[in-house]
Amino acid sequence: MKLKEPNYNNCLTNLSNSILKYYNIPTYHNSLKKLDKILAKAKKTKNIILIVYGGLGTNILKMNSDPKSFLNKHLKFTIDAVLPPTATASLTSILSGLNPNEHGYLGWTQYVKPIDKTITMFTNTSIDTNEYVGDINHKYFAYTDILSLINERVDVTRLESFGDNAYSSLEDMQNKIISLTGSKNQKFIYAYYNEPDNTIHQNGTYTEPTKKTIEKINDLTKVLCENLDNSLVIVTSDHGLIDADAYTLSSYPDLYNMLINNISIEGRCCTFFVKPGMEKEFKKLFNANFGKDFKLYSKEEVLKKELFGMGFNHEQLSSSLGDFLAVAQTNKYFRYNDQSESFAAMHGGITEEEVSLPVIIYKTKKSFWHKSR
């Protein structure tokens, strides 16, 4: 099992900055030179389309599809997810052009000090009661969406399974893309589809349901690309996955009873809030039980090593990290207790399977549109 810490000069954040650079918008971080060259050759292209398939890591794609499949054929290079490799952190990095330490969205669940609660970040709900706790995202984690910046240059559409431009299926999402590109105006389209992530979580990485889901994504993406005119399609993912086994923390009462509250961020990139005065004992006991599977960092070590990225630190970052952060190096993940959900496959650690992402490029052969910019 090969370990791979994200390279913050070759990750999703840099991909977004390449797109900003293409539209002559000031960047926040370095761009991807390989993508810059491709985009530079596409200056007269009418439409730029960025599609993100949830969970379609490089290894997942290659192990579940034919090397000659459409997606593999057009795979140009690989980049890294951010830490942790998970939708919350990665998608926000794509949409903000910032690293997780800057935008503050660290994982699916997160402790928010101003309200003294651990919440599910994308839904603004308490993980303990599932109650809505207010618009925490906009109040404490607001950022400038790169789509709003690009919209000052060309028409922008954001496609997801919810919101103003919600789609009902992969087919519907792709039909919407085709329809949008039919107008006379230049377009930038961002589309996110949460497969094969959902299927892999439930069934595992190399199973028949996973293979069929990826085959469908491949085939429909091919149909989409072949029905577009004067468009450059960029396909990538937010993270990969790995088949995983759980440690249930409540089964380790000596350690469990040292915790102040529920664990958070991700099961494979997990933060611990420890009762005052028990830090040394917690570290010793943690490493004795889990040291072969997890690298344990103090908050100070996390910040010094810039594990969540370079740049300014978000004002909520330090308080969200608790006292310790455990990052998975094998196939293990943490559940808080017996009521916590179990999965066949997980993400959030620093194995290559989770971190490495494909960048797939398709440029349409037709070109009926021209407009100097």
Protein backbone atom coordinates (compact mmCIF):
# COMPACT_ATOMS: atom_id res chain seq x y z
CA MET A 1 0.00 0.00 0.00
CA LYS A 2 1.70 3.17 -1.23
CA LEU A 3 1.32 6.39 0.75
CA LYS A 4 0.91 9.75 -0.96
CA GLU A 5 0.51 13.06 0.82
CA PRO A 6 -1.16 15.66 -1.41
CA ASN A 7 1.15 17.89 -3.42
CA TYR A 8 -0.31 21.37 -3.10
CA ASN A 9 1.42 22.42 -6.30
CA ASN A 10 -0.25 19.64 -8.29
CA CYS A 11 -3.76 19.27 -6.88
CA LEU A 12 -7.40 20.23 -7.40
CA THR A 13 -6.72 23.72 -6.09
CA ASN A 14 -4.21 24.26 -8.88
CA LEU A 15 -6.67 22.95 -11.47
CA SER A 16 -9.12 25.68 -10.47
CA ASN A 17 -6.40 28.28 -10.66
CA SER A 18 -5.61 27.15 -14.22
CA ILE A 19 -9.23 27.86 -15.11
CA LEU A 20 -9.04 31.28 -13.47
CA LYS A 21 -5.84 31.96 -15.41
CA TYR A 22 -7.52 30.95 -18.68
CA TYR A 23 -10.22 33.58 -18.11
CA ASN A 24 -7.62 36.23 -17.19
CA ILE A 25 -8.74 36.30 -13.56
CA PRO A 26 -6.13 36.80 -10.81
CA THR A 27 -5.12 33.46 -9.29
CA TYR A 28 -4.69 32.45 -5.65
CA HIS A 29 -2.14 29.69 -6.18
CA ASN A 30 0.04 28.17 -8.87
CA SER A 31 -1.77 26.77 -11.88
CA LEU A 32 -1.15 23.39 -13.57
CA LYS A 33 1.34 23.87 -16.40
CA LYS A 34 0.06 20.85 -18.32
CA LEU A 35 -3.50 22.13 -18.18
CA ASP A 36 -2.39 25.68 -18.97
CA LYS A 37 -0.85 24.46 -22.23
CA ILE A 38 -4.03 22.62 -23.19
CA LEU A 39 -6.21 25.62 -22.36
CA ALA A 40 -3.86 27.96 -24.25
CA LYS A 41 -4.54 25.96 -27.40
CA ALA A 42 -8.27 26.32 -26.75
CA LYS A 43 -8.47 30.12 -26.78
CA LYS A 44 -11.07 30.07 -29.55
CA THR A 45 -13.13 27.34 -27.93
CA LYS A 46 -16.67 28.40 -27.18
CA ASN A 47 -17.40 26.19 -24.17
CA ILE A 48 -15.27 24.98 -21.27
CA ILE A 49 -16.94 22.17 -19.30
CA LEU A 50 -15.63 20.84 -15.99
CA ILE A 51 -17.21 17.54 -14.86
CA VAL A 52 -16.39 16.08 -11.46
CA TYR A 53 -17.36 12.46 -10.82
CA GLY A 54 -17.44 11.62 -7.11
CA GLY A 55 -15.02 8.87 -6.11
CA LEU A 56 -13.53 8.27 -9.57
CA GLY A 57 -9.91 8.12 -8.45
CA THR A 58 -7.18 7.10 -10.88
CA ASN A 59 -6.90 3.60 -9.45
CA ILE A 60 -10.69 3.13 -9.32
CA LEU A 61 -10.96 4.07 -13.01
CA LYS A 62 -8.08 1.92 -14.23
CA MET A 63 -9.00 -1.18 -12.22
CA ASN A 64 -12.68 -1.11 -13.21
CA SER A 65 -12.52 -0.31 -16.91
CA ASP A 66 -10.83 -1.37 -20.09
CA PRO A 67 -7.55 0.45 -20.87
CA LYS A 68 -9.06 1.34 -24.24
CA SER A 69 -12.25 2.80 -22.74
CA PHE A 70 -13.14 6.40 -23.58
CA LEU A 71 -12.11 7.84 -20.22
CA ASN A 72 -8.82 5.95 -20.07
CA LYS A 73 -8.03 6.82 -23.68
CA HIS A 74 -8.34 10.53 -22.94
CA LEU A 75 -6.61 10.50 -19.54
CA LYS A 76 -3.85 13.10 -20.00
CA PHE A 77 -2.22 13.27 -16.56
CA THR A 78 -2.92 12.83 -12.85
CA ILE A 79 -3.17 15.27 -9.98
CA ASP A 80 -3.80 14.98 -6.25
CA ALA A 81 -6.83 15.51 -4.12
CA VAL A 82 -6.42 17.78 -1.10
CA LEU A 83 -6.28 16.54 2.49
CA PRO A 84 -8.50 14.94 3.41
CA PRO A 85 -9.44 13.40 0.06
CA THR A 86 -13.18 13.80 0.52
CA ALA A 87 -16.00 15.69 -1.20
CA THR A 88 -16.31 18.46 1.40
CA ALA A 89 -12.69 19.55 1.21
CA SER A 90 -12.05 18.75 -2.45
CA LEU A 91 -15.18 20.25 -3.99
CA THR A 92 -14.77 23.42 -1.95
CA SER A 93 -11.18 23.69 -3.16
CA ILE A 94 -12.38 23.35 -6.75
CA LEU A 95 -15.07 25.99 -6.27
CA SER A 96 -12.91 28.43 -4.31
CA GLY A 97 -9.43 27.96 -5.78
CA LEU A 98 -8.21 27.74 -2.18
CA ASN A 99 -6.69 24.98 -0.06
CA PRO A 100 -8.66 23.47 2.84
CA ASN A 101 -6.65 25.39 5.45
CA GLU A 102 -7.78 28.59 3.67
CA HIS A 103 -11.47 27.92 3.00
CA GLY A 104 -11.94 25.96 6.23
CA TYR A 105 -14.08 23.09 4.94
CA LEU A 106 -12.09 20.16 6.31
CA GLY A 107 -14.48 17.23 6.17
CA TRP A 108 -18.00 15.85 6.21
CA THR A 109 -18.36 16.69 9.91
CA GLN A 110 -16.58 19.44 11.78
CA TYR A 111 -16.48 21.11 15.17
CA VAL A 112 -17.48 24.79 14.96
CA LYS A 113 -16.34 26.71 18.03
CA PRO A 114 -18.65 29.77 17.82
CA ILE A 115 -21.71 27.51 18.26
CA ASP A 116 -19.87 24.79 20.24
CA LYS A 117 -21.30 22.03 18.06
CA THR A 118 -20.05 19.40 15.66
CA ILE A 119 -22.04 19.71 12.45
CA THR A 120 -22.41 18.11 9.04
CA MET A 121 -20.86 20.86 6.95
CA PHE A 122 -22.88 20.69 3.74
CA THR A 123 -26.24 20.43 5.54
CA ASN A 124 -25.67 22.72 8.56
CA THR A 125 -27.11 20.09 10.89
CA SER A 126 -25.91 18.84 14.28
CA ILE A 127 -24.42 15.34 14.11
CA ASP A 128 -25.90 14.58 17.54
CA THR A 129 -29.52 15.63 16.92
CA ASN A 130 -29.64 16.11 13.12
CA GLU A 131 -31.29 19.47 13.79
CA TYR A 132 -30.64 22.49 11.56
CA VAL A 133 -28.30 24.87 13.41
CA GLY A 134 -28.53 27.88 11.08
CA ASP A 135 -26.60 28.93 8.00
CA ILE A 136 -23.19 28.19 9.50
CA ASN A 137 -21.57 27.92 6.06
CA HIS A 138 -22.26 31.52 5.09
CA LYS A 139 -21.80 32.92 8.60
CA TYR A 140 -18.41 31.38 9.40
CA PHE A 141 -17.12 29.74 6.19
CA ALA A 142 -18.01 32.15 3.38
CA TYR A 143 -15.73 32.32 0.33
CA THR A 144 -15.77 33.82 -3.15
CA ASP A 145 -16.98 31.19 -5.59
CA ILE A 146 -14.79 31.11 -8.71
CA LEU A 147 -17.95 30.60 -10.76
CA SER A 148 -19.08 34.11 -9.83
CA LEU A 149 -15.73 35.47 -11.02
CA ILE A 150 -15.88 33.55 -14.30
CA ASN A 151 -19.47 34.72 -14.78
CA GLU A 152 -18.11 38.24 -15.26
CA ARG A 153 -16.37 36.95 -18.40
CA VAL A 154 -18.74 34.32 -19.85
CA ASP A 155 -22.06 32.68 -19.02
CA VAL A 156 -21.70 30.19 -16.15
CA THR A 157 -23.95 27.30 -15.11
CA ARG A 158 -23.54 25.06 -12.06
CA LEU A 159 -25.15 21.63 -12.32
CA GLU A 160 -25.73 19.43 -9.27
CA SER A 161 -28.44 17.09 -8.02
CA PHE A 162 -29.95 19.96 -6.02
CA GLY A 163 -30.45 23.71 -6.38
CA ASP A 164 -31.65 25.90 -9.22
CA ASN A 165 -30.28 23.68 -12.00
CA ALA A 166 -30.91 20.30 -10.39
CA TYR A 167 -30.77 17.21 -12.57
CA SER A 168 -32.55 13.92 -11.94
CA SER A 169 -30.00 11.46 -13.35
CA LEU A 170 -26.67 11.28 -15.14
CA GLU A 171 -28.50 11.23 -18.45
CA ASP A 172 -30.44 14.35 -17.45
CA MET A 173 -27.26 16.13 -16.34
CA GLN A 174 -25.61 15.45 -19.66
CA ASN A 175 -28.68 16.46 -21.65
CA LYS A 176 -28.67 19.76 -19.77
CA ILE A 177 -25.03 20.28 -20.71
CA ILE A 178 -25.78 19.65 -24.39
CA SER A 179 -28.74 22.03 -24.25
CA LEU A 180 -26.73 24.77 -22.53
CA THR A 181 -23.95 24.63 -25.10
CA GLY A 182 -26.46 25.11 -27.88
CA SER A 183 -26.74 28.85 -27.24
CA LYS A 184 -24.67 31.46 -29.06
CA ASN A 185 -22.89 32.64 -25.92
CA GLN A 186 -19.64 31.37 -24.49
CA LYS A 187 -20.18 28.99 -21.59
CA PHE A 188 -18.36 27.67 -18.58
CA ILE A 189 -20.21 24.73 -17.07
CA TYR A 190 -19.40 23.06 -13.76
CA ALA A 191 -21.13 19.72 -13.18
CA TYR A 192 -20.83 17.35 -10.22
CA TYR A 193 -22.23 13.81 -10.13
CA ASN A 194 -21.90 11.75 -6.93
CA GLU A 195 -21.07 8.42 -8.55
CA PRO A 196 -19.30 6.04 -8.42
CA ASP A 197 -18.74 7.23 -4.83
CA ASN A 198 -22.12 6.11 -3.47
CA THR A 199 -21.89 2.70 -5.11
CA ILE A 200 -18.34 2.09 -3.90
CA HIS A 201 -19.13 3.08 -0.31
CA GLN A 202 -21.80 0.40 -0.17
CA ASN A 203 -20.28 -2.33 -2.35
CA GLY A 204 -16.52 -1.91 -2.32
CA THR A 205 -13.95 -0.79 -4.86
CA TYR A 206 -13.68 -3.75 -7.24
CA THR A 207 -17.14 -5.29 -7.36
CA GLU A 208 -19.64 -5.87 -10.13
CA PRO A 209 -21.93 -2.96 -9.11
CA THR A 210 -18.93 -0.62 -9.09
CA LYS A 211 -17.71 -1.83 -12.47
CA LYS A 212 -21.18 -1.40 -14.02
CA THR A 213 -21.51 2.11 -12.60
CA ILE A 214 -18.14 3.16 -14.04
CA GLU A 215 -18.96 1.56 -17.40
CA LYS A 216 -22.16 3.63 -17.50
CA ILE A 217 -20.26 6.81 -16.65
CA ASN A 218 -17.70 6.03 -19.35
CA ASP A 219 -20.27 5.27 -22.03
CA LEU A 220 -22.48 8.27 -21.32
CA THR A 221 -19.51 10.63 -21.10
CA LYS A 222 -18.43 9.42 -24.54
CA VAL A 223 -21.93 10.11 -25.92
CA LEU A 224 -21.91 13.55 -24.30
CA CYS A 225 -18.54 14.55 -25.71
CA GLU A 226 -19.40 13.34 -29.19
CA ASN A 227 -22.56 15.48 -29.19
CA LEU A 228 -20.89 18.75 -28.28
CA ASP A 229 -19.70 21.42 -30.65
CA ASN A 230 -16.63 23.60 -30.08
CA SER A 231 -16.14 22.51 -26.48
CA LEU A 232 -13.28 21.47 -24.24
CA VAL A 233 -14.35 18.94 -21.62
CA ILE A 234 -12.28 18.44 -18.47
CA VAL A 235 -13.20 15.41 -16.37
CA THR A 236 -11.74 14.78 -12.92
CA SER A 237 -12.79 13.59 -9.46
CA ASP A 238 -12.78 14.70 -5.83
CA HIS A 239 -11.12 11.59 -4.35
CA GLY A 240 -10.61 7.87 -4.74
CA LEU A 241 -11.58 5.14 -2.26
CA ILE A 242 -10.11 2.07 -0.60
CA ASP A 243 -11.79 -1.04 0.81
CA ALA A 244 -11.79 -0.47 4.56
CA ASP A 245 -12.32 -2.01 8.00
CA ALA A 246 -13.47 -0.09 11.06
CA TYR A 247 -12.22 0.44 14.55
CA THR A 248 -15.13 1.27 16.87
CA LEU A 249 -13.77 3.63 19.52
CA SER A 250 -16.36 2.74 22.15
CA SER A 251 -14.81 -0.74 22.17
CA TYR A 252 -11.69 0.87 23.68
CA PRO A 253 -13.21 2.36 26.87
CA ASP A 254 -9.95 3.62 28.40
CA LEU A 255 -9.33 5.78 25.32
CA TYR A 256 -12.99 6.50 24.56
CA ASN A 257 -13.55 7.95 28.03
CA MET A 258 -10.76 10.48 27.48
CA LEU A 259 -12.74 12.17 24.71
CA ILE A 260 -14.76 15.32 25.28
CA ASN A 261 -17.07 14.89 22.30
CA ASN A 262 -17.64 12.98 19.08
CA ILE A 263 -14.85 12.55 16.57
CA SER A 264 -15.05 14.66 13.42
CA ILE A 265 -13.71 15.53 9.95
CA GLU A 266 -13.52 12.00 8.44
CA GLY A 267 -13.16 8.44 9.72
CA ARG A 268 -9.75 8.23 8.03
CA CYS A 269 -8.66 11.77 8.89
CA CYS A 270 -10.01 12.11 12.36
CA THR A 271 -9.76 14.79 15.02
CA PHE A 272 -9.89 14.11 18.76
CA PHE A 273 -10.82 16.50 21.55
CA VAL A 274 -9.20 15.18 24.71
CA LYS A 275 -10.04 15.98 28.34
CA PRO A 276 -7.55 18.50 29.81
CA GLY A 277 -4.52 16.89 31.39
CA MET A 278 -4.94 13.59 29.55
CA GLU A 279 -3.06 14.49 26.36
CA LYS A 280 0.10 12.50 27.07
CA GLU A 281 -1.85 9.46 28.23
CA PHE A 282 -4.12 9.66 25.18
CA LYS A 283 -1.17 9.80 22.78
CA LYS A 284 0.51 6.82 24.41
CA LEU A 285 -2.67 4.72 24.46
CA PHE A 286 -3.64 5.72 20.92
CA ASN A 287 -0.28 4.73 19.45
CA ALA A 288 -0.31 1.44 21.37
CA ASN A 289 -3.68 0.50 19.84
CA PHE A 290 -3.66 2.19 16.43
CA GLY A 291 -0.11 3.33 15.71
CA LYS A 292 0.37 0.78 12.92
CA ASP A 293 -2.64 2.11 11.02
CA PHE A 294 -2.74 5.83 11.80
CA LYS A 295 -0.21 8.63 12.03
CA LEU A 296 -1.12 10.77 15.04
CA TYR A 297 -0.34 14.49 14.89
CA SER A 298 -0.77 17.17 17.51
CA LYS A 299 -2.60 20.30 16.38
CA GLU A 300 0.73 22.15 16.39
CA GLU A 301 2.29 19.52 14.12
CA VAL A 302 -0.65 19.70 11.70
CA LEU A 303 -0.28 23.45 11.35
CA LYS A 304 3.53 23.33 11.09
CA LYS A 305 3.49 20.61 8.41
CA GLU A 306 0.73 22.45 6.46
CA LEU A 307 -1.15 19.17 6.05
CA PHE A 308 -4.26 21.00 4.87
CA GLY A 309 -2.40 23.25 2.48
CA MET A 310 -0.32 26.38 2.12
CA GLY A 311 -1.44 29.97 2.51
CA PHE A 312 -3.32 31.86 5.21
CA ASN A 313 -5.15 29.77 7.81
CA HIS A 314 -8.90 30.12 8.12
CA GLU A 315 -10.02 31.61 11.42
CA GLN A 316 -11.90 28.42 12.34
CA LEU A 317 -9.08 26.04 11.39
CA SER A 318 -7.26 25.78 14.71
CA SER A 319 -10.37 25.26 16.83
CA SER A 320 -11.76 22.66 14.40
CA LEU A 321 -8.62 20.53 14.73
CA GLY A 322 -9.09 19.64 18.38
CA ASP A 323 -6.01 18.31 20.18
CA PHE A 324 -4.93 15.53 17.82
CA LEU A 325 -5.43 14.48 14.21
CA ALA A 326 -5.13 10.84 13.14
CA VAL A 327 -4.50 10.20 9.43
CA ALA A 328 -4.98 6.67 8.05
CA GLN A 329 -2.02 4.94 6.43
CA THR A 330 -3.60 1.49 6.00
CA ASN A 331 -7.19 0.44 5.23
CA LYS A 332 -8.64 1.28 8.67
CA TYR A 333 -11.17 3.93 9.69
CA PHE A 334 -12.79 5.05 12.93
CA ARG A 335 -16.40 4.75 14.05
CA TYR A 336 -17.33 6.63 17.24
CA ASN A 337 -19.66 3.94 18.61
CA ASP A 338 -21.97 1.10 17.55
CA GLN A 339 -24.55 3.57 16.22
CA SER A 340 -22.07 5.03 13.73
CA GLU A 341 -22.49 4.06 10.09
CA SER A 342 -20.33 1.36 8.49
CA PHE A 343 -19.05 1.27 4.92
CA ALA A 344 -17.41 -1.28 2.63
CA ALA A 345 -15.01 1.35 1.28
CA MET A 346 -13.85 4.72 2.57
CA HIS A 347 -11.69 7.72 1.77
CA GLY A 348 -9.92 10.47 3.67
CA GLY A 349 -6.51 8.84 4.22
CA ILE A 350 -3.20 9.28 2.43
CA THR A 351 -2.97 6.14 0.33
CA GLU A 352 -2.35 6.63 -3.38
CA GLU A 353 -5.74 5.02 -4.09
CA GLU A 354 -7.48 7.89 -2.31
CA VAL A 355 -5.26 10.79 -3.34
CA SER A 356 -4.42 10.24 -7.03
CA LEU A 357 -6.98 11.67 -9.48
CA PRO A 358 -7.29 11.51 -13.27
CA VAL A 359 -7.48 14.57 -15.50
CA ILE A 360 -9.31 13.55 -18.66
CA ILE A 361 -9.46 15.99 -21.58
CA TYR A 362 -11.63 15.86 -24.66
CA LYS A 363 -11.67 18.56 -27.33
CA THR A 364 -14.47 18.35 -29.85
CA LYS A 365 -13.39 18.01 -33.45
CA LYS A 366 -16.10 20.28 -34.86
CA SER A 367 -15.65 24.02 -34.74
CA PHE A 368 -18.38 26.23 -36.17
CA TRP A 369 -17.99 29.08 -33.71
CA HIS A 370 -15.42 31.83 -33.58
CA LYS A 371 -15.17 34.95 -31.51
CA SER A 372 -11.99 36.77 -30.57
CA ARG A 373 -11.72 37.56 -26.89
